[in-house]
């Protein structure tokens, strides 16, 4: 009996979640696979490491049928952007906020002209580096929703805004030397941004896409997803956005960025 594509996908998901190969092999033996087939399947899964199959989805390609049901595409021809109103449950959001709070630090910026200014006043946490199984499962859910390999993703980052805190107009893609500084030759440009609101703000704290003339108000569990590039791979300035100041309460979000290359 050979291990079909569904088993390869299952192996990949377990590897991403940190399950040991010995446990994967044990489960497969219980299902009737012999050792040579198991060894070949695990090696194949490790070599490809693509969710949903061996073929990499073009990270530049606009997705007319993105697998985010019941997400809705925003009605604009200036950018590819989606809203998913119930991507996470309120309990999942609360658990993530609890995990991030002990690890918050002052947020940094990418663009050199923002350094040393009050351009960004929030706090951040490198959530993807906490090696928590629950958080890994959230990462996996995000990658599967986009249909992109988890190996294209950067580590998930969490951001926390208190009253009065904000992040002025900026873009997520890299320009100039920043692309080189952020491992561009190996990992390529940032493609998709997957941002999830973890709480419903009491007042303020919206996300404004300045060129689309569109504001999104934070609501727990809602995801905003956009492609930072045009279909030809060029950066899309229409994706510039800002985090408006929180007026009451706080705002917590997580953000996951995907790149155009898998590092060798």
C-alpha atoms as a PDB file:
ATOM      1  CA  UNK A   1       0.000   0.000   0.000  1.00  0.00           C
ATOM      2  CA  UNK A   2       1.364   3.384  -1.046  1.00  0.00           C
ATOM      3  CA  UNK A   3       0.931   6.683   0.813  1.00  0.00           C
ATOM      4  CA  UNK A   4      -1.252   8.957  -1.322  1.00  0.00           C
ATOM      5  CA  UNK A   5      -1.366  12.772  -1.406  1.00  0.00           C
ATOM      6  CA  UNK A   6      -3.683  12.945   1.612  1.00  0.00           C
ATOM      7  CA  UNK A   7      -1.101  11.107   3.719  1.00  0.00           C
ATOM      8  CA  UNK A   8       1.722  13.328   2.466  1.00  0.00           C
ATOM      9  CA  UNK A   9      -0.332  16.368   3.478  1.00  0.00           C
ATOM     10  CA  UNK A  10      -1.036  14.774   6.877  1.00  0.00           C
ATOM     11  CA  UNK A  11       2.670  14.154   7.442  1.00  0.00           C
ATOM     12  CA  UNK A  12       3.516  17.743   6.484  1.00  0.00           C
ATOM     13  CA  UNK A  13       0.977  19.187   8.895  1.00  0.00           C
ATOM     14  CA  UNK A  14       2.311  17.063  11.747  1.00  0.00           C
ATOM     15  CA  UNK A  15       5.898  18.024  10.978  1.00  0.00           C
ATOM     16  CA  UNK A  16       4.941  21.711  11.059  1.00  0.00           C
ATOM     17  CA  UNK A  17       3.215  21.154  14.403  1.00  0.00           C
ATOM     18  CA  UNK A  18       6.401  19.620  15.799  1.00  0.00           C
ATOM     19  CA  UNK A  19       5.297  15.972  15.984  1.00  0.00           C
ATOM     20  CA  UNK A  20       8.306  13.634  16.061  1.00  0.00           C
ATOM     21  CA  UNK A  21       8.908  11.435  13.022  1.00  0.00           C
ATOM     22  CA  UNK A  22       8.842   8.329  15.216  1.00  0.00           C
ATOM     23  CA  UNK A  23       5.273   9.104  16.274  1.00  0.00           C
ATOM     24  CA  UNK A  24       4.241   9.759  12.670  1.00  0.00           C
ATOM     25  CA  UNK A  25       5.763   6.440  11.619  1.00  0.00           C
ATOM     26  CA  UNK A  26       4.051   4.606  14.475  1.00  0.00           C
ATOM     27  CA  UNK A  27       0.640   5.929  13.437  1.00  0.00           C
ATOM     28  CA  UNK A  28       1.238   4.928   9.821  1.00  0.00           C
ATOM     29  CA  UNK A  29       2.285   1.422  10.834  1.00  0.00           C
ATOM     30  CA  UNK A  30      -0.958   1.119  12.804  1.00  0.00           C
ATOM     31  CA  UNK A  31      -2.811   2.012   9.583  1.00  0.00           C
ATOM     32  CA  UNK A  32      -1.119  -0.790   7.645  1.00  0.00           C
ATOM     33  CA  UNK A  33       1.876   0.869   5.973  1.00  0.00           C
ATOM     34  CA  UNK A  34       5.199  -0.981   5.941  1.00  0.00           C
ATOM     35  CA  UNK A  35       8.487   0.628   6.932  1.00  0.00           C
ATOM     36  CA  UNK A  36       9.931   1.320   3.429  1.00  0.00           C
ATOM     37  CA  UNK A  37       6.707   3.100   2.385  1.00  0.00           C
ATOM     38  CA  UNK A  38       6.679   5.115   5.610  1.00  0.00           C
ATOM     39  CA  UNK A  39      10.314   6.171   5.173  1.00  0.00           C
ATOM     40  CA  UNK A  40       9.739   7.222   1.565  1.00  0.00           C
ATOM     41  CA  UNK A  41       6.554   9.120   2.475  1.00  0.00           C
ATOM     42  CA  UNK A  42       8.211  11.066   5.291  1.00  0.00           C
ATOM     43  CA  UNK A  43      11.197  11.955   3.122  1.00  0.00           C
ATOM     44  CA  UNK A  44       8.898  13.052   0.307  1.00  0.00           C
ATOM     45  CA  UNK A  45       6.852  15.192   2.694  1.00  0.00           C
ATOM     46  CA  UNK A  46       9.991  16.840   4.087  1.00  0.00           C
ATOM     47  CA  UNK A  47      11.383  17.496   0.617  1.00  0.00           C
ATOM     48  CA  UNK A  48       8.243  19.207  -0.674  1.00  0.00           C
ATOM     49  CA  UNK A  49       6.650  20.583   2.512  1.00  0.00           C
ATOM     50  CA  UNK A  50       3.762  22.138   0.613  1.00  0.00           C
ATOM     51  CA  UNK A  51       0.338  22.170   2.159  1.00  0.00           C
ATOM     52  CA  UNK A  52      -2.339  20.655  -0.038  1.00  0.00           C
ATOM     53  CA  UNK A  53       0.052  19.054  -2.531  1.00  0.00           C
ATOM     54  CA  UNK A  54       3.413  19.334  -4.196  1.00  0.00           C
ATOM     55  CA  UNK A  55       2.699  22.336  -6.407  1.00  0.00           C
ATOM     56  CA  UNK A  56       3.507  25.783  -5.076  1.00  0.00           C
ATOM     57  CA  UNK A  57       0.774  28.341  -5.640  1.00  0.00           C
ATOM     58  CA  UNK A  58       2.129  31.399  -7.421  1.00  0.00           C
ATOM     59  CA  UNK A  59       2.436  33.876  -4.512  1.00  0.00           C
ATOM     60  CA  UNK A  60       1.894  36.823  -6.863  1.00  0.00           C
ATOM     61  CA  UNK A  61      -1.259  35.475  -8.432  1.00  0.00           C
ATOM     62  CA  UNK A  62      -4.513  37.248  -7.679  1.00  0.00           C
ATOM     63  CA  UNK A  63      -6.946  34.714  -6.245  1.00  0.00           C
ATOM     64  CA  UNK A  64     -10.420  34.867  -7.700  1.00  0.00           C
ATOM     65  CA  UNK A  65     -11.387  31.771  -5.715  1.00  0.00           C
ATOM     66  CA  UNK A  66      -9.389  32.139  -2.521  1.00  0.00           C
ATOM     67  CA  UNK A  67     -10.116  29.346  -0.035  1.00  0.00           C
ATOM     68  CA  UNK A  68     -11.300  31.555   2.814  1.00  0.00           C
ATOM     69  CA  UNK A  69     -15.041  30.906   2.790  1.00  0.00           C
ATOM     70  CA  UNK A  70     -16.985  32.770   4.067  1.00  0.00           C
ATOM     71  CA  UNK A  71     -14.459  35.546   3.440  1.00  0.00           C
ATOM     72  CA  UNK A  72     -15.591  38.356   1.161  1.00  0.00           C
ATOM     73  CA  UNK A  73     -13.422  40.190  -1.324  1.00  0.00           C
ATOM     74  CA  UNK A  74     -13.504  43.961  -0.969  1.00  0.00           C
ATOM     75  CA  UNK A  75     -15.030  45.628  -4.010  1.00  0.00           C
ATOM     76  CA  UNK A  76     -12.081  47.493  -5.476  1.00  0.00           C
ATOM     77  CA  UNK A  77      -9.871  47.078  -8.524  1.00  0.00           C
ATOM     78  CA  UNK A  78      -6.938  48.827  -6.809  1.00  0.00           C
ATOM     79  CA  UNK A  79      -5.885  45.928  -4.586  1.00  0.00           C
ATOM     80  CA  UNK A  80      -6.680  42.349  -3.715  1.00  0.00           C
ATOM     81  CA  UNK A  81      -8.135  42.414  -0.205  1.00  0.00           C
ATOM     82  CA  UNK A  82     -10.484  40.154   1.762  1.00  0.00           C
ATOM     83  CA  UNK A  83     -12.421  40.231   5.031  1.00  0.00           C
ATOM     84  CA  UNK A  84     -13.121  37.096   7.050  1.00  0.00           C
ATOM     85  CA  UNK A  85     -15.446  37.956   9.914  1.00  0.00           C
ATOM     86  CA  UNK A  86     -15.050  34.793  11.982  1.00  0.00           C
ATOM     87  CA  UNK A  87     -11.590  33.392  11.365  1.00  0.00           C
ATOM     88  CA  UNK A  88     -10.866  32.895  15.083  1.00  0.00           C
ATOM     89  CA  UNK A  89     -13.240  32.311  17.976  1.00  0.00           C
ATOM     90  CA  UNK A  90     -13.378  34.707  20.928  1.00  0.00           C
ATOM     91  CA  UNK A  91     -11.810  32.030  23.144  1.00  0.00           C
ATOM     92  CA  UNK A  92      -8.927  31.586  20.697  1.00  0.00           C
ATOM     93  CA  UNK A  93      -8.404  35.356  20.585  1.00  0.00           C
ATOM     94  CA  UNK A  94      -8.355  35.575  24.394  1.00  0.00           C
ATOM     95  CA  UNK A  95      -5.813  32.749  24.584  1.00  0.00           C
ATOM     96  CA  UNK A  96      -3.505  34.500  22.120  1.00  0.00           C
ATOM     97  CA  UNK A  97      -3.727  37.796  24.032  1.00  0.00           C
ATOM     98  CA  UNK A  98      -2.823  35.940  27.220  1.00  0.00           C
ATOM     99  CA  UNK A  99       0.185  34.375  25.489  1.00  0.00           C
ATOM    100  CA  UNK A 100       1.486  37.644  24.029  1.00  0.00           C
ATOM    101  CA  UNK A 101       1.225  39.979  27.019  1.00  0.00           C
ATOM    102  CA  UNK A 102       4.290  38.744  28.984  1.00  0.00           C
ATOM    103  CA  UNK A 103       6.509  39.115  25.903  1.00  0.00           C
ATOM    104  CA  UNK A 104       5.606  42.575  24.616  1.00  0.00           C
ATOM    105  CA  UNK A 105       8.384  45.020  23.686  1.00  0.00           C
ATOM    106  CA  UNK A 106       8.441  48.391  21.909  1.00  0.00           C
ATOM    107  CA  UNK A 107       7.595  47.914  18.224  1.00  0.00           C
ATOM    108  CA  UNK A 108      10.284  48.445  15.602  1.00  0.00           C
ATOM    109  CA  UNK A 109      10.023  49.740  12.044  1.00  0.00           C
ATOM    110  CA  UNK A 110      11.381  48.587   8.687  1.00  0.00           C
ATOM    111  CA  UNK A 111      11.726  51.819   6.734  1.00  0.00           C
ATOM    112  CA  UNK A 112      14.879  53.711   7.602  1.00  0.00           C
ATOM    113  CA  UNK A 113      13.143  57.101   7.454  1.00  0.00           C
ATOM    114  CA  UNK A 114      10.898  55.984  10.314  1.00  0.00           C
ATOM    115  CA  UNK A 115      13.728  55.131  12.715  1.00  0.00           C
ATOM    116  CA  UNK A 116      14.028  57.405  15.738  1.00  0.00           C
ATOM    117  CA  UNK A 117      10.638  58.986  15.165  1.00  0.00           C
ATOM    118  CA  UNK A 118       7.207  58.627  16.739  1.00  0.00           C
ATOM    119  CA  UNK A 119       6.025  56.872  13.604  1.00  0.00           C
ATOM    120  CA  UNK A 120       4.975  53.769  15.515  1.00  0.00           C
ATOM    121  CA  UNK A 121       4.112  53.719  19.204  1.00  0.00           C
ATOM    122  CA  UNK A 122       2.727  50.213  19.749  1.00  0.00           C
ATOM    123  CA  UNK A 123       4.248  47.154  21.407  1.00  0.00           C
ATOM    124  CA  UNK A 124       5.040  43.860  19.664  1.00  0.00           C
ATOM    125  CA  UNK A 125       5.729  40.225  20.425  1.00  0.00           C
ATOM    126  CA  UNK A 126       7.412  37.635  18.191  1.00  0.00           C
ATOM    127  CA  UNK A 127       4.611  35.179  18.748  1.00  0.00           C
ATOM    128  CA  UNK A 128       5.917  32.676  16.217  1.00  0.00           C
ATOM    129  CA  UNK A 129       9.090  32.170  18.255  1.00  0.00           C
ATOM    130  CA  UNK A 130       7.297  30.991  21.415  1.00  0.00           C
ATOM    131  CA  UNK A 131       7.111  27.374  20.130  1.00  0.00           C
ATOM    132  CA  UNK A 132       3.633  26.849  21.513  1.00  0.00           C
ATOM    133  CA  UNK A 133       1.549  24.038  19.984  1.00  0.00           C
ATOM    134  CA  UNK A 134      -1.685  26.060  20.064  1.00  0.00           C
ATOM    135  CA  UNK A 135       0.000  28.956  18.253  1.00  0.00           C
ATOM    136  CA  UNK A 136       1.511  26.581  15.683  1.00  0.00           C
ATOM    137  CA  UNK A 137      -1.964  25.308  14.896  1.00  0.00           C
ATOM    138  CA  UNK A 138      -3.139  28.887  14.289  1.00  0.00           C
ATOM    139  CA  UNK A 139      -0.154  29.405  11.950  1.00  0.00           C
ATOM    140  CA  UNK A 140      -1.047  26.246  10.078  1.00  0.00           C
ATOM    141  CA  UNK A 141      -4.678  27.324   9.728  1.00  0.00           C
ATOM    142  CA  UNK A 142      -3.581  30.647   8.217  1.00  0.00           C
ATOM    143  CA  UNK A 143      -1.250  28.988   5.683  1.00  0.00           C
ATOM    144  CA  UNK A 144      -3.892  26.448   4.681  1.00  0.00           C
ATOM    145  CA  UNK A 145      -6.496  29.182   4.254  1.00  0.00           C
ATOM    146  CA  UNK A 146      -4.260  30.953   1.748  1.00  0.00           C
ATOM    147  CA  UNK A 147      -3.178  27.732   0.088  1.00  0.00           C
ATOM    148  CA  UNK A 148       0.481  28.680   0.502  1.00  0.00           C
ATOM    149  CA  UNK A 149       3.325  26.680   1.969  1.00  0.00           C
ATOM    150  CA  UNK A 150       3.957  27.388   5.645  1.00  0.00           C
ATOM    151  CA  UNK A 151       7.629  27.650   4.680  1.00  0.00           C
ATOM    152  CA  UNK A 152       6.832  30.872   2.789  1.00  0.00           C
ATOM    153  CA  UNK A 153       5.658  32.519   6.018  1.00  0.00           C
ATOM    154  CA  UNK A 154       7.531  34.734   8.431  1.00  0.00           C
ATOM    155  CA  UNK A 155       7.111  34.106  12.139  1.00  0.00           C
ATOM    156  CA  UNK A 156       3.772  35.456  13.341  1.00  0.00           C
ATOM    157  CA  UNK A 157       4.001  38.810  15.096  1.00  0.00           C
ATOM    158  CA  UNK A 158       1.566  40.194  17.661  1.00  0.00           C
ATOM    159  CA  UNK A 159       0.926  43.914  18.164  1.00  0.00           C
ATOM    160  CA  UNK A 160      -0.666  45.650  21.132  1.00  0.00           C
ATOM    161  CA  UNK A 161      -1.938  49.245  21.210  1.00  0.00           C
ATOM    162  CA  UNK A 162      -2.880  51.142  24.375  1.00  0.00           C
ATOM    163  CA  UNK A 163      -4.934  54.353  24.365  1.00  0.00           C
ATOM    164  CA  UNK A 164      -3.320  56.933  22.085  1.00  0.00           C
ATOM    165  CA  UNK A 165      -0.984  54.481  20.364  1.00  0.00           C
ATOM    166  CA  UNK A 166      -0.853  54.154  16.575  1.00  0.00           C
ATOM    167  CA  UNK A 167       1.208  53.280  13.514  1.00  0.00           C
ATOM    168  CA  UNK A 168       1.286  55.965  10.820  1.00  0.00           C
ATOM    169  CA  UNK A 169       0.850  55.341   7.093  1.00  0.00           C
ATOM    170  CA  UNK A 170       3.140  52.524   5.910  1.00  0.00           C
ATOM    171  CA  UNK A 171       3.348  49.526   3.620  1.00  0.00           C
ATOM    172  CA  UNK A 172       4.295  45.922   4.355  1.00  0.00           C
ATOM    173  CA  UNK A 173       6.383  45.264   1.228  1.00  0.00           C
ATOM    174  CA  UNK A 174      10.074  46.108   1.132  1.00  0.00           C
ATOM    175  CA  UNK A 175      11.686  48.868  -0.913  1.00  0.00           C
ATOM    176  CA  UNK A 176      15.303  49.740  -1.665  1.00  0.00           C
ATOM    177  CA  UNK A 177      17.927  48.401   0.735  1.00  0.00           C
ATOM    178  CA  UNK A 178      15.238  47.114   3.104  1.00  0.00           C
ATOM    179  CA  UNK A 179      14.623  44.155   0.805  1.00  0.00           C
ATOM    180  CA  UNK A 180      18.284  43.175   1.121  1.00  0.00           C
ATOM    181  CA  UNK A 181      18.377  43.856   4.855  1.00  0.00           C
ATOM    182  CA  UNK A 182      15.390  41.602   5.444  1.00  0.00           C
ATOM    183  CA  UNK A 183      16.779  38.553   3.670  1.00  0.00           C
ATOM    184  CA  UNK A 184      15.319  39.488   0.307  1.00  0.00           C
ATOM    185  CA  UNK A 185      17.830  37.591  -1.853  1.00  0.00           C
ATOM    186  CA  UNK A 186      16.864  34.329  -0.118  1.00  0.00           C
ATOM    187  CA  UNK A 187      13.223  34.888   0.765  1.00  0.00           C
ATOM    188  CA  UNK A 188      12.023  37.420  -1.776  1.00  0.00           C
ATOM    189  CA  UNK A 189       9.377  40.096  -1.435  1.00  0.00           C
ATOM    190  CA  UNK A 190       6.453  40.086   0.997  1.00  0.00           C
ATOM    191  CA  UNK A 191       3.330  38.908  -0.795  1.00  0.00           C
ATOM    192  CA  UNK A 192       0.278  38.341   1.403  1.00  0.00           C
ATOM    193  CA  UNK A 193      -0.451  39.931   4.772  1.00  0.00           C
ATOM    194  CA  UNK A 194      -2.843  38.068   7.055  1.00  0.00           C
ATOM    195  CA  UNK A 195      -3.940  40.277   9.975  1.00  0.00           C
ATOM    196  CA  UNK A 196      -6.392  39.167  12.671  1.00  0.00           C
ATOM    197  CA  UNK A 197      -8.063  41.400  15.259  1.00  0.00           C
ATOM    198  CA  UNK A 198      -8.009  39.755  18.699  1.00  0.00           C
ATOM    199  CA  UNK A 199     -10.460  42.098  20.423  1.00  0.00           C
ATOM    200  CA  UNK A 200     -13.238  44.532  19.651  1.00  0.00           C
ATOM    201  CA  UNK A 201     -11.954  47.993  20.510  1.00  0.00           C
ATOM    202  CA  UNK A 202     -14.190  50.252  22.561  1.00  0.00           C
ATOM    203  CA  UNK A 203     -13.312  53.288  20.438  1.00  0.00           C
ATOM    204  CA  UNK A 204     -10.756  54.070  17.728  1.00  0.00           C
ATOM    205  CA  UNK A 205      -7.965  51.791  16.611  1.00  0.00           C
ATOM    206  CA  UNK A 206      -9.240  51.176  13.097  1.00  0.00           C
ATOM    207  CA  UNK A 207      -7.124  50.143  10.116  1.00  0.00           C
ATOM    208  CA  UNK A 208      -7.248  52.708   7.315  1.00  0.00           C
ATOM    209  CA  UNK A 209      -6.244  51.886   3.737  1.00  0.00           C
ATOM    210  CA  UNK A 210      -5.501  55.426   2.692  1.00  0.00           C
ATOM    211  CA  UNK A 211      -5.671  54.974  -1.105  1.00  0.00           C
ATOM    212  CA  UNK A 212      -8.761  52.792  -0.963  1.00  0.00           C
ATOM    213  CA  UNK A 213     -10.605  55.269   1.294  1.00  0.00           C
ATOM    214  CA  UNK A 214     -11.622  52.323   3.436  1.00  0.00           C
ATOM    215  CA  UNK A 215     -11.497  51.856   7.223  1.00  0.00           C
ATOM    216  CA  UNK A 216     -11.842  48.555   9.065  1.00  0.00           C
ATOM    217  CA  UNK A 217     -12.908  48.614  12.694  1.00  0.00           C
ATOM    218  CA  UNK A 218     -11.370  45.945  14.960  1.00  0.00           C
ATOM    219  CA  UNK A 219     -13.697  43.102  15.897  1.00  0.00           C
ATOM    220  CA  UNK A 220     -12.503  40.002  17.735  1.00  0.00           C
ATOM    221  CA  UNK A 221     -11.797  37.132  15.348  1.00  0.00           C
ATOM    222  CA  UNK A 222     -12.046  39.127  12.118  1.00  0.00           C
ATOM    223  CA  UNK A 223      -9.200  38.756   9.628  1.00  0.00           C
ATOM    224  CA  UNK A 224      -8.146  41.262   6.974  1.00  0.00           C
ATOM    225  CA  UNK A 225      -6.071  39.655   4.209  1.00  0.00           C
ATOM    226  CA  UNK A 226      -4.391  41.451   1.334  1.00  0.00           C
ATOM    227  CA  UNK A 227      -1.836  40.953  -1.412  1.00  0.00           C
ATOM    228  CA  UNK A 228       0.928  43.567  -1.191  1.00  0.00           C
ATOM    229  CA  UNK A 229       1.810  43.055  -4.862  1.00  0.00           C
ATOM    230  CA  UNK A 230       0.235  43.341  -8.258  1.00  0.00           C
ATOM    231  CA  UNK A 231      -0.294  40.212 -10.316  1.00  0.00           C
ATOM    232  CA  UNK A 232       3.056  40.760 -12.063  1.00  0.00           C
ATOM    233  CA  UNK A 233       4.966  40.821  -8.773  1.00  0.00           C
ATOM    234  CA  UNK A 234       5.452  44.603  -8.607  1.00  0.00           C
ATOM    235  CA  UNK A 235       4.684  46.309  -5.291  1.00  0.00           C
ATOM    236  CA  UNK A 236       1.218  47.815  -4.952  1.00  0.00           C
ATOM    237  CA  UNK A 237       1.242  51.274  -3.258  1.00  0.00           C
ATOM    238  CA  UNK A 238      -2.540  51.050  -2.881  1.00  0.00           C
ATOM    239  CA  UNK A 239      -1.956  48.676   0.040  1.00  0.00           C
ATOM    240  CA  UNK A 240      -0.511  51.460   2.191  1.00  0.00           C
ATOM    241  CA  UNK A 241      -2.385  51.576   5.483  1.00  0.00           C
ATOM    242  CA  UNK A 242      -2.238  52.977   8.983  1.00  0.00           C
ATOM    243  CA  UNK A 243      -3.303  51.935  12.464  1.00  0.00           C
ATOM    244  CA  UNK A 244      -5.434  54.761  13.801  1.00  0.00           C
ATOM    245  CA  UNK A 245      -4.995  55.797  17.466  1.00  0.00           C
ATOM    246  CA  UNK A 246      -6.903  53.811  20.059  1.00  0.00           C
ATOM    247  CA  UNK A 247      -9.311  56.153  21.816  1.00  0.00           C
ATOM    248  CA  UNK A 248     -10.609  53.841  24.527  1.00  0.00           C
ATOM    249  CA  UNK A 249      -9.515  50.440  25.805  1.00  0.00           C
ATOM    250  CA  UNK A 250      -6.804  48.640  23.807  1.00  0.00           C
ATOM    251  CA  UNK A 251      -6.248  46.870  20.493  1.00  0.00           C
ATOM    252  CA  UNK A 252      -4.515  43.532  20.005  1.00  0.00           C
ATOM    253  CA  UNK A 253      -3.789  41.906  16.650  1.00  0.00           C
ATOM    254  CA  UNK A 254      -1.598  39.247  15.086  1.00  0.00           C
ATOM    255  CA  UNK A 255       0.029  39.618  11.690  1.00  0.00           C
ATOM    256  CA  UNK A 256       1.552  36.977   9.463  1.00  0.00           C
ATOM    257  CA  UNK A 257       3.490  37.890   6.323  1.00  0.00           C
ATOM    258  CA  UNK A 258       4.265  35.544   3.442  1.00  0.00           C
ATOM    259  CA  UNK A 259       7.264  35.800   1.131  1.00  0.00           C
ATOM    260  CA  UNK A 260       7.732  34.955  -2.538  1.00  0.00           C
ATOM    261  CA  UNK A 261      10.527  32.400  -2.019  1.00  0.00           C
ATOM    262  CA  UNK A 262      11.293  29.468   0.237  1.00  0.00           C
ATOM    263  CA  UNK A 263      14.800  29.844   1.663  1.00  0.00           C
ATOM    264  CA  UNK A 264      17.125  27.061   0.563  1.00  0.00           C
END
